[in-house]
Amino acid sequence: MDHKDKHLFDNPQNVKRILRILYLICALLFAMDFILPRHTTHSWENLWGFYAIYGFVGCVLLVLIAKWMRKFLMRPENYYDSHELQGIESDNNVDA
């Protein structure tokens, strides 16, 4: 059949709607920081927007650490094929 199912994110208008909803939720949560009383244990938690800034900095640090870790965790493109080239027999090539 040539029928292709349409999914939620196939329509660019739906993606824009979801992003707008996400931005609205973020803005509401940031505004609630000014309205709701906080029960803090450290003095820096009293800063306006502390948790939003803390979360943003945490995400940026995660991305930067992941980029750094990629340098020594990344394997060559033919990493799994290289074992066959070294003469290591796989289960499929064992003679019975």
Protein backbone atom coordinates (compact mmCIF):
# COMPACT_ATOMS: atom_id res chain seq x y z
CA MET A 1 0.00 0.00 0.00
CA ASP A 2 1.10 3.53 -0.66
CA HIS A 3 -0.83 4.93 2.31
CA LYS A 4 1.48 6.72 4.70
CA ASP A 5 0.26 7.37 8.23
CA LYS A 6 0.38 10.97 9.37
CA HIS A 7 1.81 11.46 12.81
CA LEU A 8 1.57 14.34 15.24
CA PHE A 9 4.94 15.89 14.44
CA ASP A 10 4.60 15.59 10.64
CA ASN A 11 2.64 18.83 10.58
CA PRO A 12 4.88 21.88 11.25
CA GLN A 13 1.91 23.72 12.75
CA ASN A 14 1.63 21.07 15.48
CA VAL A 15 5.31 21.45 16.31
CA LYS A 16 4.85 25.23 16.65
CA ARG A 17 1.86 24.69 18.95
CA ILE A 18 3.77 22.31 21.18
CA LEU A 19 6.72 24.71 21.41
CA ARG A 20 4.39 27.58 22.31
CA ILE A 21 2.80 25.46 25.04
CA LEU A 22 6.27 24.58 26.36
CA TYR A 23 7.31 28.25 26.39
CA LEU A 24 4.08 29.19 28.16
CA ILE A 25 4.63 26.54 30.84
CA CYS A 26 8.21 27.76 31.35
CA ALA A 27 7.02 31.36 31.69
CA LEU A 28 4.30 30.36 34.16
CA LEU A 29 6.73 28.41 36.29
CA PHE A 30 9.13 31.35 36.30
CA ALA A 31 6.29 33.73 37.27
CA MET A 32 5.27 31.42 40.11
CA ASP A 33 8.74 31.97 41.54
CA PHE A 34 7.68 35.55 42.30
CA ILE A 35 4.26 34.62 43.71
CA LEU A 36 4.65 31.47 45.81
CA PRO A 37 6.55 31.56 49.09
CA ARG A 38 9.70 29.46 49.19
CA HIS A 39 11.04 27.35 52.01
CA THR A 40 14.76 27.69 51.50
CA THR A 41 17.70 26.23 53.35
CA HIS A 42 20.48 28.23 51.69
CA SER A 43 20.69 31.97 51.18
CA TRP A 44 21.30 31.75 47.41
CA GLU A 45 17.93 30.05 46.95
CA ASN A 46 16.30 33.40 47.72
CA LEU A 47 17.58 34.88 44.44
CA TRP A 48 14.83 35.56 41.89
CA GLY A 49 14.81 32.88 39.21
CA PHE A 50 17.43 30.80 41.03
CA TYR A 51 15.93 27.45 40.04
CA ALA A 52 15.48 28.48 36.40
CA ILE A 53 19.09 29.65 36.22
CA TYR A 54 20.28 26.57 38.11
CA GLY A 55 18.46 24.26 35.70
CA PHE A 56 19.75 26.09 32.63
CA VAL A 57 23.35 26.04 33.87
CA GLY A 58 22.99 22.35 34.76
CA CYS A 59 21.78 21.49 31.23
CA VAL A 60 24.59 23.49 29.62
CA LEU A 61 27.15 21.74 31.82
CA LEU A 62 25.71 18.34 30.89
CA VAL A 63 26.11 19.13 27.19
CA LEU A 64 29.66 20.40 27.65
CA ILE A 65 30.67 17.35 29.72
CA ALA A 66 29.10 15.05 27.11
CA LYS A 67 31.10 16.73 24.35
CA TRP A 68 34.28 16.27 26.41
CA MET A 69 33.47 12.61 27.15
CA ARG A 70 32.86 11.97 23.44
CA LYS A 71 36.56 12.44 22.77
CA PHE A 72 37.58 9.30 24.65
CA LEU A 73 34.37 7.23 24.47
CA MET A 74 33.85 7.46 20.71
CA ARG A 75 34.83 4.42 18.67
CA PRO A 76 35.80 4.27 15.01
CA GLU A 77 33.05 3.72 12.47
CA ASN A 78 34.16 0.15 11.75
CA TYR A 79 34.78 -0.77 15.41
CA TYR A 80 32.70 -3.96 15.38
CA ASP A 81 33.92 -5.05 11.95
CA SER A 82 37.57 -4.80 12.99
CA HIS A 83 37.37 -7.97 15.14
CA GLU A 84 36.69 -10.11 12.06
CA LEU A 85 39.71 -8.58 10.33
CA GLN A 86 41.93 -9.59 13.25
CA GLY A 87 41.10 -13.27 12.82
CA ILE A 88 38.61 -13.59 15.65
CA GLU A 89 35.94 -16.06 14.62
CA SER A 90 32.33 -15.21 15.25
CA ASP A 91 29.64 -17.77 16.15
CA ASN A 92 28.35 -17.71 12.55
CA ASN A 93 31.68 -18.84 11.06
CA VAL A 94 32.39 -21.82 13.35
CA ASP A 95 32.71 -25.09 11.42
CA ALA A 96 30.67 -27.99 12.80
